[in-house]
Every structure is written in structure tokens, then in C-alpha cells.
Amino acid sequence: MVCNHLQRRDTDVVTASPSDLNPAAAERIGALLRAHGLRRMPSRIAVLAVLEPVHGHLSVADIHQRLLDSSTDDASPPDLATIYRTVTTLVEQGVLHALTMEGGVSTYGLAEDPHHHAVCTRCGTIIEVPAQRLTSALEHAIEGSSFTLSERAGLTLHGLCPQCQAGAETSGPGR
């Protein structure tokens, strides 16, 4: 599964208010929160409503900006500090996972299926790699040690995404 580039703008309309969500999205988000033993708080619903259609990772600043862009006069989005507290809680409860990018910026995505990340060093695209593809490599890497991996163990691989590889081939020497 390919995560969206951090600066991608989805065409899906994101709402700042839980009451503005379509019923199916509201039910999915409510069920996700209940499954993790969390109450349906407006800030949690707003953050998850932004992240759900992205199927990828966003920084707190990106989440906040999308909420600002979609806010109406009668509904103000959560402030930046509230979004930070919200994503921290959602990571601690296993609803979201955090990925720290070069430069120290953390990005957040839904923690639906176990996976690892391949990050493009040129454009920042994040590609999710299903966990089962790297399980044997991880097991081999820790073989002979007393180390045990947690369920949330993950790898971040760095390299060039397919688009940047193609761009490098067409803009190589002599072209």
C-alpha cells in the first residue's frame, strides 16, 4: 500500500466538527475508538476524520491545517496543543502509529495492519511494506540474541520511490 506524500491534498472533504461527518465515517471512527476503550471526544473524532481518508501519514501541522481549511464559522477546529495531546493519546492506545522523519518531524497514520515503512529520501513519499514480508529478515537479525520484538516493532527503510527512480533515469548524465 502506498502512503500519500506528506504534502498531498486529498479531494475528500474533511470536516472539523463531528456532527458534519457522514454517518458511515462517524460510525467507523466511533467503532475504532470503542475498540481501543476510548471515548468519542470531538478532538479525537476530528483528528481521525482527517487521517482516515489519507491512508497514510500526516504531521500535526498538516492535520491542523486541514482542519483549519475545512472549518466553518460555527465550528472551530481543535488548537495545535489539543491536536498534539490527541495524537499522543491515540498513539499510546494503539489507534495511531508515529513515524519520525529526517529532521525530527513526526508523522501519524492509522495503526490498522502491521507494516514497515520505506521512505523516499528525495520526495518524502512513504510506502507501507506489509509486516509479513520482512518478518523472516527481522527474526534472522535478532537470532542468537535474547532480544524479543514487540507487536509494534517496525523498520524504516530509506531509498528512492519508483517515481524518483524514473526521474533519475530520465535526467541522468548526458540527457
Protein backbone atom coordinates (compact mmCIF):
# COMPACT_ATOMS: atom_id res chain seq x y z
CA MET A 1 0.00 0.00 0.00
CA VAL A 2 1.35 3.42 -0.87
CA CYS A 3 1.00 6.16 1.71
CA ASN A 4 0.29 9.60 0.42
CA HIS A 5 3.08 12.11 0.13
CA LEU A 6 3.06 14.31 3.20
CA GLN A 7 2.00 17.38 1.26
CA ARG A 8 -0.67 15.74 -0.85
CA ARG A 9 -4.09 17.34 -0.69
CA ASP A 10 -6.93 14.85 -0.88
CA THR A 11 -10.11 15.68 -2.70
CA ASP A 12 -12.14 14.21 0.15
CA VAL A 13 -13.77 16.86 2.26
CA VAL A 14 -12.56 16.74 5.84
CA THR A 15 -14.86 18.16 8.46
CA ALA A 16 -13.85 19.95 11.62
CA SER A 17 -16.99 19.06 13.51
CA PRO A 18 -18.08 15.52 14.46
CA SER A 19 -21.66 16.43 13.56
CA ASP A 20 -20.52 17.24 9.99
CA LEU A 21 -19.21 13.71 9.34
CA ASN A 22 -21.18 11.44 7.09
CA PRO A 23 -22.88 8.69 9.14
CA ALA A 24 -20.68 5.85 7.79
CA ALA A 25 -17.44 7.69 8.67
CA ALA A 26 -18.81 8.66 12.08
CA GLU A 27 -19.68 5.01 12.77
CA ARG A 28 -16.25 3.74 11.64
CA ILE A 29 -14.44 6.29 13.80
CA GLY A 30 -16.71 5.60 16.77
CA ALA A 31 -16.15 1.85 16.44
CA LEU A 32 -12.38 2.36 16.21
CA LEU A 33 -12.35 4.46 19.38
CA ARG A 34 -14.60 1.98 21.24
CA ALA A 35 -12.39 -0.94 20.17
CA HIS A 36 -9.49 0.78 21.92
CA GLY A 37 -11.53 1.66 25.01
CA LEU A 38 -11.61 5.38 24.21
CA ARG A 39 -14.43 7.87 24.50
CA ARG A 40 -15.71 9.72 21.43
CA MET A 41 -14.24 13.16 22.06
CA PRO A 42 -14.54 15.90 19.42
CA SER A 43 -10.75 16.31 19.08
CA ARG A 44 -10.24 12.56 18.58
CA ILE A 45 -13.01 12.38 16.02
CA ALA A 46 -11.65 15.43 14.17
CA VAL A 47 -8.08 14.04 14.01
CA LEU A 48 -9.29 10.61 12.87
CA ALA A 49 -11.63 12.19 10.32
CA VAL A 50 -8.59 13.88 8.77
CA LEU A 51 -6.38 10.77 8.82
CA GLU A 52 -8.92 8.16 7.73
CA PRO A 53 -9.25 9.20 4.05
CA VAL A 54 -5.50 9.82 3.73
CA HIS A 55 -4.49 6.18 4.26
CA GLY A 56 -1.06 7.47 5.09
CA HIS A 57 0.84 9.80 7.36
CA LEU A 58 0.44 13.46 8.25
CA SER A 59 2.28 15.72 10.67
CA VAL A 60 0.42 17.57 13.41
CA ALA A 61 0.86 20.77 11.38
CA ASP A 62 -0.73 19.08 8.33
CA ILE A 63 -3.63 17.77 10.43
CA HIS A 64 -4.17 21.22 11.94
CA GLN A 65 -4.03 22.93 8.53
CA ARG A 66 -6.58 20.51 7.05
CA LEU A 67 -8.88 21.16 9.99
CA LEU A 68 -8.48 24.93 9.54
CA ASP A 69 -9.15 24.63 5.80
CA SER A 70 -12.37 22.74 6.42
CA SER A 71 -13.68 24.67 9.42
CA THR A 72 -16.90 26.58 9.26
CA ASP A 73 -17.78 29.81 11.04
CA ASP A 74 -19.88 27.98 13.63
CA ALA A 75 -17.33 25.21 14.33
CA SER A 76 -13.76 25.97 15.30
CA PRO A 77 -11.19 23.16 14.99
CA PRO A 78 -9.03 21.99 17.89
CA ASP A 79 -5.95 24.11 18.50
CA LEU A 80 -2.42 22.84 17.89
CA ALA A 81 -1.79 21.88 21.54
CA THR A 82 -5.01 19.84 21.61
CA ILE A 83 -4.02 18.04 18.42
CA TYR A 84 -0.60 17.19 19.91
CA ARG A 85 -2.25 15.78 23.06
CA THR A 86 -4.79 13.90 20.96
CA VAL A 87 -2.26 12.19 18.69
CA THR A 88 -0.13 11.32 21.72
CA THR A 89 -3.11 9.61 23.37
CA LEU A 90 -4.09 7.84 20.14
CA VAL A 91 -0.51 6.55 19.69
CA GLU A 92 -0.34 5.36 23.32
CA GLN A 93 -3.64 3.50 22.87
CA GLY A 94 -2.57 1.88 19.58
CA VAL A 95 -5.02 3.74 17.34
CA LEU A 96 -2.24 5.62 15.53
CA HIS A 97 1.42 4.96 14.99
CA ALA A 98 4.13 7.59 14.77
CA LEU A 99 6.92 7.74 12.24
CA THR A 100 9.73 10.22 12.82
CA MET A 101 11.10 11.61 9.60
CA GLU A 102 14.53 13.09 8.98
CA GLY A 103 14.65 16.48 10.61
CA GLY A 104 12.75 15.17 13.62
CA VAL A 105 9.20 15.78 12.36
CA SER A 106 6.80 13.05 13.48
CA THR A 107 4.02 11.92 11.20
CA TYR A 108 0.98 9.91 12.22
CA GLY A 109 -1.06 7.24 10.49
CA LEU A 110 -3.76 4.76 11.41
CA ALA A 111 -2.32 1.63 13.03
CA GLU A 112 -4.56 -0.77 11.15
CA ASP A 113 -2.31 -3.55 9.88
CA PRO A 114 1.25 -4.29 11.00
CA HIS A 115 3.62 -2.79 8.47
CA HIS A 116 7.03 -1.20 7.95
CA HIS A 117 7.87 1.95 6.04
CA ALA A 118 10.01 2.74 3.03
CA VAL A 119 10.71 6.49 2.88
CA CYS A 120 11.91 8.24 -0.26
CA THR A 121 14.95 10.35 0.55
CA ARG A 122 14.23 12.67 -2.38
CA CYS A 123 10.50 13.50 -2.24
CA GLY A 124 9.41 12.16 1.16
CA THR A 125 6.87 9.64 -0.15
CA ILE A 126 6.14 6.89 2.35
CA ILE A 127 5.40 3.39 1.09
CA GLU A 128 3.96 0.89 3.55
CA VAL A 129 5.53 -2.57 3.40
CA PRO A 130 3.36 -5.37 4.84
CA ALA A 131 4.97 -6.78 8.00
CA GLN A 132 4.92 -10.40 6.83
CA ARG A 133 7.32 -9.52 4.01
CA LEU A 134 10.06 -8.63 6.50
CA THR A 135 9.23 -10.98 9.37
CA SER A 136 11.83 -13.60 8.47
CA ALA A 137 14.50 -10.91 7.99
CA LEU A 138 13.71 -9.47 11.44
CA GLU A 139 13.78 -12.92 13.03
CA HIS A 140 17.12 -13.64 11.37
CA ALA A 141 18.53 -10.29 12.51
CA ILE A 142 17.78 -11.00 16.18
CA GLU A 143 18.70 -14.69 16.02
CA GLY A 144 21.19 -15.58 18.74
CA SER A 145 20.30 -12.60 20.91
CA SER A 146 17.97 -12.52 23.86
CA PHE A 147 16.03 -9.67 22.29
CA THR A 148 12.30 -10.12 21.66
CA LEU A 149 10.38 -7.94 19.23
CA SER A 150 7.12 -6.35 20.32
CA GLU A 151 3.97 -6.44 18.21
CA ARG A 152 4.66 -2.81 17.31
CA ALA A 153 8.20 -3.45 16.09
CA GLY A 154 8.82 -1.71 12.82
CA LEU A 155 11.52 -0.85 10.35
CA THR A 156 12.02 2.30 8.34
CA LEU A 157 13.89 1.80 5.09
CA HIS A 158 15.35 4.75 3.17
CA GLY A 159 15.83 4.93 -0.59
CA LEU A 160 14.16 6.19 -3.78
CA CYS A 161 10.49 5.67 -4.61
CA PRO A 162 9.55 4.42 -8.11
CA GLN A 163 8.74 7.95 -9.36
CA CYS A 164 12.10 9.37 -8.22
CA GLN A 165 13.90 6.35 -9.68
CA ALA A 166 12.20 7.01 -13.02
CA GLY A 167 13.10 10.71 -12.79
CA ALA A 168 16.73 9.86 -12.06
CA GLU A 169 16.87 7.62 -15.14
CA THR A 170 15.49 10.33 -17.46
CA SER A 171 17.62 13.12 -16.01
CA GLY A 172 20.88 11.18 -15.82
CA PRO A 173 24.21 12.30 -17.33
CA GLY A 174 24.08 13.38 -20.95
CA ARG A 175 20.30 13.89 -21.02
